[in-house]
């Protein structure tokens, strides 16, 4: 499958958002950051790419702190620094470069292992950069939707998110059928290389190698964790816990470890973008779970169960959408779930500036919505969408309640 322009290119250089600041771009390893950065130099900017894992680049910096200007001529020029956050005093290096050069010189700083975790310590770069995320390919991205054609990607949508969602949903009735694209995405995940190659054998090899790379190499750089076997056991068991509130004590018992060790290990896997957390929402609701989060894989290919894989795919899409809306400066978007002590649950809740905006369920039924879901909707008062893995479904149960084909819903969000 051919992958065209990434959606991030539609907003990352918007000067209304960034001005002339440095741009930080973080996200999972092998998600396409380097490919995107190099394409900018070919297609959008004159510039140069420097990977700080290369010893020659580090040597050049030692000899001349402004080595990256060797080919600079007057006018706009893009300098890409990849993986610079692994270097000692990297913030001071960037600060010195940014503060000393012509404002026409732009900086793009890319990195995996959650670059934002590294940037949070210290304040030497405050006010000098805008941070963005590159996450797995989404359905709307694969079908080449412009973000301005998607929910909450225009400022006017934020004035009344419910009304705008219902308008976008109404327009989706006439959209093209992209069932084959969705099934391709479900099978091959959201990382560019397996999606493009579309080979089951390549995917099987890739996903095993990816875990090994994260656990044996990236984890050593990120932390002092040395028990690789424990980490591999956690990764092996986590698919069984995906989509349910995670009891770290129970997981610790399964691998013969203790609570604090396993909790720390989970946090490290988050930093590596292997997992992400969806916390429980409990504001204004009684008898709801308040502590135990749910965890999902950033790439849903590690989930064998079809129902849970579909839920994980939706979770990743909603996470990406929330991050995009926030990165674009529209407001603060959050992703949550709701569960009460009686077992009633809503898979996902999107909040906008801490106010509920949309409830999303991932289910198999095409005919009805569960009573607990209805109860939560009544209490919260926002639209509820139940997605199903069947093509051509658009069922309106009332003014704010819908059962939709999963690809129809995903076509509405980034």
Protein backbone atom coordinates (compact mmCIF):
# COMPACT_ATOMS: atom_id res chain seq x y z
CA UNK A 1 0.00 0.00 0.00
CA UNK A 2 1.29 3.43 -0.92
CA UNK A 3 1.61 5.89 1.95
CA UNK A 4 1.34 9.50 0.85
CA UNK A 5 1.85 12.65 2.89
CA UNK A 6 1.54 12.33 6.66
CA UNK A 7 -1.16 14.52 8.19
CA UNK A 8 1.38 16.19 10.45
CA UNK A 9 2.74 18.06 7.44
CA UNK A 10 -0.52 20.01 7.29
CA UNK A 11 0.08 21.80 10.59
CA UNK A 12 3.57 21.36 12.01
CA UNK A 13 4.92 24.39 10.10
CA UNK A 14 1.88 26.60 10.73
CA UNK A 15 3.43 29.86 11.92
CA UNK A 16 0.25 30.76 13.79
CA UNK A 17 1.18 27.88 16.13
CA UNK A 18 4.98 27.94 16.15
CA UNK A 19 6.12 31.39 15.05
CA UNK A 20 9.85 31.00 14.45
CA UNK A 21 10.49 28.58 17.30
CA UNK A 22 12.33 25.30 17.08
CA UNK A 23 10.08 22.33 16.34
CA UNK A 24 10.38 19.18 18.47
CA UNK A 25 8.94 16.01 16.92
CA UNK A 26 8.69 12.90 19.06
CA UNK A 27 7.02 9.53 18.73
CA UNK A 28 7.68 5.79 18.64
CA UNK A 29 10.76 4.33 17.05
CA UNK A 30 10.27 3.48 13.32
CA UNK A 31 7.14 5.62 13.06
CA UNK A 32 8.59 7.70 10.21
CA UNK A 33 10.17 10.73 11.89
CA UNK A 34 13.48 10.47 10.01
CA UNK A 35 11.74 9.77 6.71
CA UNK A 36 9.53 12.80 7.20
CA UNK A 37 12.45 15.04 8.23
CA UNK A 38 14.52 14.08 5.20
CA UNK A 39 11.55 14.58 2.88
CA UNK A 40 11.25 18.18 4.12
CA UNK A 41 14.73 18.97 2.88
CA UNK A 42 13.91 17.57 -0.53
CA UNK A 43 10.44 19.03 -0.95
CA UNK A 44 9.90 22.05 1.32
CA UNK A 45 13.18 23.52 2.61
CA UNK A 46 16.79 23.95 1.72
CA UNK A 47 18.64 22.42 4.62
CA UNK A 48 20.70 19.63 6.15
CA UNK A 49 20.09 16.52 8.28
CA UNK A 50 22.37 15.49 11.19
CA UNK A 51 22.01 12.31 13.23
CA UNK A 52 23.80 12.69 16.57
CA UNK A 53 24.22 8.94 16.89
CA UNK A 54 26.87 9.37 14.18
CA UNK A 55 30.33 9.81 15.78
CA UNK A 56 31.40 12.06 12.90
CA UNK A 57 28.61 14.51 13.71
CA UNK A 58 29.69 14.67 17.34
CA UNK A 59 33.31 15.17 16.26
CA UNK A 60 32.26 17.99 13.91
CA UNK A 61 30.46 19.72 16.78
CA UNK A 62 33.55 19.46 18.98
CA UNK A 63 35.64 21.13 16.30
CA UNK A 64 33.05 23.77 15.41
CA UNK A 65 29.79 24.32 17.36
CA UNK A 66 28.25 25.84 14.23
CA UNK A 67 29.29 23.03 11.87
CA UNK A 68 25.68 22.67 10.73
CA UNK A 69 25.90 26.00 8.87
CA UNK A 70 28.58 24.80 6.51
CA UNK A 71 26.25 24.87 3.49
CA UNK A 72 24.06 27.73 4.63
CA UNK A 73 23.34 30.59 2.29
CA UNK A 74 21.04 33.54 2.80
CA UNK A 75 17.34 32.70 3.17
CA UNK A 76 15.25 30.10 4.95
CA UNK A 77 17.24 27.02 5.90
CA UNK A 78 16.18 23.92 7.87
CA UNK A 79 18.56 22.19 10.27
CA UNK A 80 17.39 18.73 11.39
CA UNK A 81 18.96 17.34 14.55
CA UNK A 82 17.99 13.70 15.04
CA UNK A 83 18.55 11.97 18.42
CA UNK A 84 20.43 14.94 19.88
CA UNK A 85 18.62 14.42 23.20
CA UNK A 86 20.92 11.43 23.84
CA UNK A 87 23.92 13.75 24.07
CA UNK A 88 25.21 15.27 27.29
CA UNK A 89 23.99 18.88 27.79
CA UNK A 90 21.89 18.66 24.62
CA UNK A 91 19.61 21.47 25.78
CA UNK A 92 22.55 23.83 26.11
CA UNK A 93 23.71 22.85 22.60
CA UNK A 94 20.30 23.69 21.16
CA UNK A 95 19.96 26.87 23.20
CA UNK A 96 23.34 28.13 21.99
CA UNK A 97 22.54 27.32 18.37
CA UNK A 98 19.03 28.79 18.41
CA UNK A 99 20.02 32.00 20.19
CA UNK A 100 23.02 32.69 17.96
CA UNK A 101 21.93 32.15 14.38
CA UNK A 102 19.92 34.08 11.81
CA UNK A 103 16.13 33.81 12.50
CA UNK A 104 15.72 32.51 8.95
CA UNK A 105 17.35 29.25 10.10
CA UNK A 106 14.74 26.79 11.32
CA UNK A 107 15.44 23.84 13.62
CA UNK A 108 13.65 20.48 13.67
CA UNK A 109 14.61 18.21 16.59
CA UNK A 110 13.45 14.59 16.34
CA UNK A 111 13.76 11.64 18.66
CA UNK A 112 12.15 8.46 19.91
CA UNK A 113 12.01 7.07 23.46
CA UNK A 114 9.59 9.85 24.27
CA UNK A 115 11.65 12.93 23.65
CA UNK A 116 9.18 14.86 25.81
CA UNK A 117 10.24 12.90 28.89
CA UNK A 118 13.76 14.24 28.43
CA UNK A 119 12.70 17.80 27.69
CA UNK A 120 10.72 18.11 30.95
CA UNK A 121 13.77 18.35 33.18
CA UNK A 122 15.22 21.84 33.34
CA UNK A 123 13.96 25.02 31.72
CA UNK A 124 16.78 26.24 29.48
CA UNK A 125 14.62 25.77 26.35
CA UNK A 126 11.34 27.20 27.63
CA UNK A 127 9.83 29.56 25.08
CA UNK A 128 12.14 28.37 22.32
CA UNK A 129 10.30 25.36 20.88
CA UNK A 130 6.91 23.93 19.92
CA UNK A 131 6.38 20.22 20.51
CA UNK A 132 4.49 17.84 18.21
CA UNK A 133 3.88 14.09 18.06
CA UNK A 134 4.07 11.65 15.17
CA UNK A 135 1.95 8.59 15.97
CA UNK A 136 0.82 5.52 13.99
CA UNK A 137 -0.96 5.91 10.69
CA UNK A 138 -4.66 6.46 11.18
CA UNK A 139 -7.53 5.44 8.94
CA UNK A 140 -8.24 9.01 7.81
CA UNK A 141 -4.55 9.41 7.05
CA UNK A 142 -4.45 6.31 4.85
CA UNK A 143 -7.44 7.54 2.86
CA UNK A 144 -5.73 10.94 2.47
CA UNK A 145 -8.24 13.08 4.33
CA UNK A 146 -7.27 16.70 4.86
CA UNK A 147 -7.44 17.50 8.57
CA UNK A 148 -9.74 20.45 7.84
CA UNK A 149 -12.28 17.82 6.75
CA UNK A 150 -12.16 16.17 10.18
CA UNK A 151 -13.92 16.80 13.49
CA UNK A 152 -12.38 19.41 15.81
CA UNK A 153 -9.72 20.43 13.30
CA UNK A 154 -11.27 23.87 12.80
CA UNK A 155 -11.59 26.48 15.51
CA UNK A 156 -15.34 26.84 14.93
CA UNK A 157 -15.85 23.18 15.89
CA UNK A 158 -14.66 23.93 19.41
CA UNK A 159 -17.40 26.50 19.99
CA UNK A 160 -19.99 23.68 20.09
CA UNK A 161 -18.29 20.27 19.79
CA UNK A 162 -21.56 18.34 19.98
CA UNK A 163 -23.24 20.26 17.17
CA UNK A 164 -20.13 20.05 15.00
CA UNK A 165 -19.80 16.29 15.60
CA UNK A 166 -23.39 15.70 14.55
CA UNK A 167 -22.82 17.78 11.41
CA UNK A 168 -19.68 15.83 10.47
CA UNK A 169 -21.52 12.59 11.17
CA UNK A 170 -24.40 13.54 8.91
CA UNK A 171 -21.97 14.31 6.10
CA UNK A 172 -20.35 10.87 6.51
CA UNK A 173 -23.49 9.20 5.12
CA UNK A 174 -22.27 9.85 1.58
CA UNK A 175 -18.60 9.00 2.07
CA UNK A 176 -16.78 6.49 -0.10
CA UNK A 177 -16.53 2.86 1.06
CA UNK A 178 -13.01 2.24 2.38
CA UNK A 179 -13.56 -1.21 3.91
CA UNK A 180 -10.47 -2.74 2.28
CA UNK A 181 -8.29 0.05 3.68
CA UNK A 182 -9.63 -0.49 7.18
CA UNK A 183 -9.05 -4.26 7.05
CA UNK A 184 -5.51 -3.62 5.83
CA UNK A 185 -4.88 -1.27 8.75
CA UNK A 186 -6.36 -3.72 11.26
CA UNK A 187 -4.13 -6.53 9.98
CA UNK A 188 -0.83 -4.72 9.50
CA UNK A 189 -0.95 -2.07 12.25
CA UNK A 190 -0.15 1.60 12.05
CA UNK A 191 3.62 1.65 11.49
CA UNK A 192 4.61 2.67 7.97
CA UNK A 193 6.91 -0.15 6.88
CA UNK A 194 4.62 -3.14 7.62
CA UNK A 195 1.64 -1.21 6.23
CA UNK A 196 3.48 -0.41 3.00
CA UNK A 197 4.92 -3.91 2.51
CA UNK A 198 1.61 -5.66 3.23
CA UNK A 199 3.36 -8.99 3.87
CA UNK A 200 2.26 -11.25 6.72
CA UNK A 201 5.70 -12.87 6.90
CA UNK A 202 7.38 -9.46 7.08
CA UNK A 203 4.92 -8.34 9.77
CA UNK A 204 5.58 -11.41 11.93
CA UNK A 205 9.34 -10.86 11.75
CA UNK A 206 9.03 -7.09 12.23
CA UNK A 207 6.89 -7.18 15.36
CA UNK A 208 9.20 -9.65 17.11
CA UNK A 209 12.30 -7.67 16.16
CA UNK A 210 10.65 -4.44 17.29
CA UNK A 211 10.03 -5.74 20.81
CA UNK A 212 13.59 -7.06 21.02
CA UNK A 213 14.99 -3.72 19.88
CA UNK A 214 12.99 -1.75 22.46
CA UNK A 215 13.68 -4.05 25.38
CA UNK A 216 17.33 -4.86 24.75
CA UNK A 217 18.60 -1.55 23.35
CA UNK A 218 16.31 1.43 23.93
CA UNK A 219 15.43 0.39 27.47
CA UNK A 220 19.10 0.26 28.46
CA UNK A 221 19.55 3.84 27.22
CA UNK A 222 16.46 5.04 29.03
CA UNK A 223 16.92 3.49 32.45
CA UNK A 224 19.09 1.28 34.59
CA UNK A 225 16.75 -1.70 34.30
CA UNK A 226 18.90 -4.77 33.79
CA UNK A 227 16.37 -7.59 34.20
CA UNK A 228 15.50 -7.97 30.53
CA UNK A 229 13.78 -11.32 31.14
CA UNK A 230 11.30 -9.64 33.47
CA UNK A 231 10.51 -6.97 30.91
CA UNK A 232 9.98 -9.58 28.21
CA UNK A 233 7.63 -11.50 30.50
CA UNK A 234 5.61 -8.35 31.16
CA UNK A 235 5.34 -7.63 27.45
CA UNK A 236 4.29 -11.23 26.80
CA UNK A 237 1.50 -11.10 29.41
CA UNK A 238 0.18 -7.60 28.73
CA UNK A 239 -2.02 -8.54 25.74
CA UNK A 240 -4.13 -10.61 28.14
CA UNK A 241 -4.75 -7.47 30.24
CA UNK A 242 -5.36 -5.03 27.38
CA UNK A 243 -8.71 -3.29 27.50
CA UNK A 244 -9.36 -4.00 31.19
CA UNK A 245 -8.35 -2.03 34.30
CA UNK A 246 -4.84 -3.26 35.01
CA UNK A 247 -4.12 -4.71 38.43
CA UNK A 248 -0.38 -4.31 38.78
CA UNK A 249 -0.46 -6.52 41.88
CA UNK A 250 -2.02 -9.34 39.84
CA UNK A 251 0.51 -8.91 37.02
CA UNK A 252 3.34 -8.89 39.57
CA UNK A 253 2.07 -12.19 40.94
CA UNK A 254 1.94 -13.71 37.47
CA UNK A 255 5.63 -13.03 36.85
CA UNK A 256 6.86 -13.55 40.42
CA UNK A 257 7.85 -9.94 41.05
CA UNK A 258 6.71 -7.12 43.35
CA UNK A 259 4.28 -4.25 42.83
CA UNK A 260 6.79 -1.38 42.70
CA UNK A 261 9.12 -3.18 40.29
CA UNK A 262 6.32 -3.99 37.87
CA UNK A 263 4.87 -0.49 38.12
CA UNK A 264 8.27 0.97 37.27
CA UNK A 265 8.62 -1.45 34.35
CA UNK A 266 5.23 -0.43 32.95
CA UNK A 267 6.25 3.23 33.17
CA UNK A 268 9.43 2.50 31.22
CA UNK A 269 7.44 0.75 28.49
CA UNK A 270 5.24 3.85 28.28
CA UNK A 271 8.30 6.02 27.80
CA UNK A 272 9.33 3.79 24.92
CA UNK A 273 5.89 4.29 23.32
CA UNK A 274 5.20 0.56 23.40
CA UNK A 275 2.19 1.21 25.64
CA UNK A 276 -0.02 4.08 26.61
CA UNK A 277 -2.34 4.58 29.54
CA UNK A 278 -6.04 5.49 29.55
CA UNK A 279 -7.01 6.66 33.06
CA UNK A 280 -10.49 6.38 34.63
CA UNK A 281 -12.85 9.37 34.61
CA UNK A 282 -14.88 9.86 37.77
CA UNK A 283 -15.83 13.52 38.01
CA UNK A 284 -19.50 14.06 38.91
CA UNK A 285 -20.06 10.29 38.93
CA UNK A 286 -20.64 8.08 41.96
CA UNK A 287 -19.32 4.57 42.57
CA UNK A 288 -16.79 4.71 39.74
CA UNK A 289 -13.26 3.33 39.63
CA UNK A 290 -10.77 6.09 40.30
CA UNK A 291 -7.32 4.50 40.32
CA UNK A 292 -6.76 1.56 38.00
CA UNK A 293 -5.94 2.70 34.43
CA UNK A 294 -6.29 0.66 31.28
CA UNK A 295 -3.26 0.09 29.07
CA UNK A 296 -3.14 -0.37 25.32
CA UNK A 297 -0.38 -1.11 22.83
CA UNK A 298 0.49 1.83 20.60
CA UNK A 299 0.50 -0.72 17.76
CA UNK A 300 -2.50 -3.07 17.98
CA UNK A 301 -0.83 -5.92 16.06
CA UNK A 302 0.28 -7.50 19.36
CA UNK A 303 -3.33 -8.33 20.26
CA UNK A 304 -4.62 -11.66 18.92
CA UNK A 305 -8.24 -11.47 20.14
CA UNK A 306 -10.23 -9.72 17.40
CA UNK A 307 -12.54 -7.80 19.73
CA UNK A 308 -9.70 -6.50 21.89
CA UNK A 309 -7.61 -5.67 18.82
CA UNK A 310 -10.47 -3.54 17.48
CA UNK A 311 -10.76 -1.77 20.84
CA UNK A 312 -6.99 -1.20 20.88
CA UNK A 313 -7.10 0.21 17.34
CA UNK A 314 -9.79 2.67 18.37
CA UNK A 315 -7.85 3.60 21.51
CA UNK A 316 -4.75 4.41 19.45
CA UNK A 317 -6.80 6.48 17.00
CA UNK A 318 -8.42 8.44 19.81
CA UNK A 319 -5.06 9.03 21.49
CA UNK A 320 -3.64 10.34 18.22
CA UNK A 321 -6.65 12.59 17.68
CA UNK A 322 -6.41 14.04 21.20
CA UNK A 323 -2.70 14.71 20.80
CA UNK A 324 -3.21 16.34 17.40
CA UNK A 325 -5.98 18.63 18.67
CA UNK A 326 -3.79 19.64 21.60
CA UNK A 327 -0.63 20.04 19.50
CA UNK A 328 -2.51 22.29 17.07
CA UNK A 329 -3.43 24.68 19.86
CA UNK A 330 -7.21 24.21 19.63
CA UNK A 331 -7.46 23.27 23.32
CA UNK A 332 -6.63 20.45 25.73
CA UNK A 333 -8.07 17.09 24.70
CA UNK A 334 -8.01 14.06 27.00
CA UNK A 335 -8.78 10.34 26.64
CA UNK A 336 -10.44 8.39 29.49
CA UNK A 337 -12.62 5.40 30.27
CA UNK A 338 -15.47 5.01 32.78
CA UNK A 339 -16.24 1.98 34.92
CA UNK A 340 -18.37 1.62 38.04
CA UNK A 341 -18.16 -0.94 40.82
CA UNK A 342 -21.17 -2.80 39.39
CA UNK A 343 -19.21 -3.66 36.24
CA UNK A 344 -20.81 -1.08 33.96
CA UNK A 345 -18.32 0.51 31.60
CA UNK A 346 -17.84 2.94 28.74
CA UNK A 347 -14.72 2.11 26.72
CA UNK A 348 -13.71 5.71 26.00
CA UNK A 349 -14.56 9.28 26.88
CA UNK A 350 -13.05 12.25 25.07
CA UNK A 351 -12.82 15.45 27.08
CA UNK A 352 -12.15 18.91 25.69
CA UNK A 353 -10.74 21.43 28.17
CA UNK A 354 -11.77 19.02 30.96
CA UNK A 355 -15.39 18.84 29.79
CA UNK A 356 -16.92 15.60 28.41
CA UNK A 357 -17.45 15.73 24.65
CA UNK A 358 -17.96 12.22 23.24
CA UNK A 359 -18.48 8.65 24.49
CA UNK A 360 -17.21 5.78 22.32
CA UNK A 361 -17.94 2.07 22.65
CA UNK A 362 -16.26 -0.73 20.70
CA UNK A 363 -18.72 -3.63 20.48
CA UNK A 364 -20.00 -6.33 18.15
CA UNK A 365 -23.76 -5.66 18.39
CA UNK A 366 -25.37 -3.85 15.48
CA UNK A 367 -28.77 -3.58 17.13
CA UNK A 368 -28.61 -2.24 20.66
CA UNK A 369 -26.49 -0.40 23.20
CA UNK A 370 -26.01 -1.73 26.72
CA UNK A 371 -28.00 -0.32 29.62
CA UNK A 372 -24.83 0.80 31.53
CA UNK A 373 -23.66 2.73 28.47
CA UNK A 374 -27.05 4.41 28.21
CA UNK A 375 -26.96 5.27 31.90
CA UNK A 376 -23.52 6.87 31.62
CA UNK A 377 -24.66 8.84 28.58
CA UNK A 378 -27.70 10.13 30.46
CA UNK A 379 -25.53 11.24 33.37
CA UNK A 380 -22.89 12.94 31.19
CA UNK A 381 -25.13 14.28 28.43
CA UNK A 382 -22.88 13.96 25.38
CA UNK A 383 -23.15 11.96 22.12
CA UNK A 384 -22.50 8.22 22.28
CA UNK A 385 -21.11 6.26 19.34
CA UNK A 386 -20.95 2.48 19.32
CA UNK A 387 -18.62 1.18 16.62
CA UNK A 388 -19.08 -2.23 15.04
CA UNK A 389 -16.87 -4.22 12.70
CA UNK A 390 -19.44 -4.44 9.91
CA UNK A 391 -19.50 -2.34 6.71
CA UNK A 392 -22.23 0.06 5.79
CA UNK A 393 -23.71 0.60 9.26
CA UNK A 394 -25.25 3.98 10.11
CA UNK A 395 -27.97 3.59 12.72
CA UNK A 396 -29.34 6.61 14.55
CA UNK A 397 -31.07 5.54 17.77
CA UNK A 398 -31.87 9.06 18.92
CA UNK A 399 -30.52 12.58 18.48
CA UNK A 400 -27.22 11.80 20.25
CA UNK A 401 -26.85 8.02 20.01
CA UNK A 402 -25.46 6.12 17.03
CA UNK A 403 -24.26 2.68 15.96
CA UNK A 404 -21.67 3.05 13.19
CA UNK A 405 -19.32 0.97 11.12
CA UNK A 406 -15.91 1.41 12.68
CA UNK A 407 -14.41 2.81 9.48
CA UNK A 408 -17.20 5.39 9.23
CA UNK A 409 -16.39 6.67 12.71
CA UNK A 410 -12.63 6.65 12.16
CA UNK A 411 -13.07 8.67 8.97
CA UNK A 412 -14.25 11.59 11.15
CA UNK A 413 -11.10 11.96 13.28
CA UNK A 414 -7.39 12.55 12.53
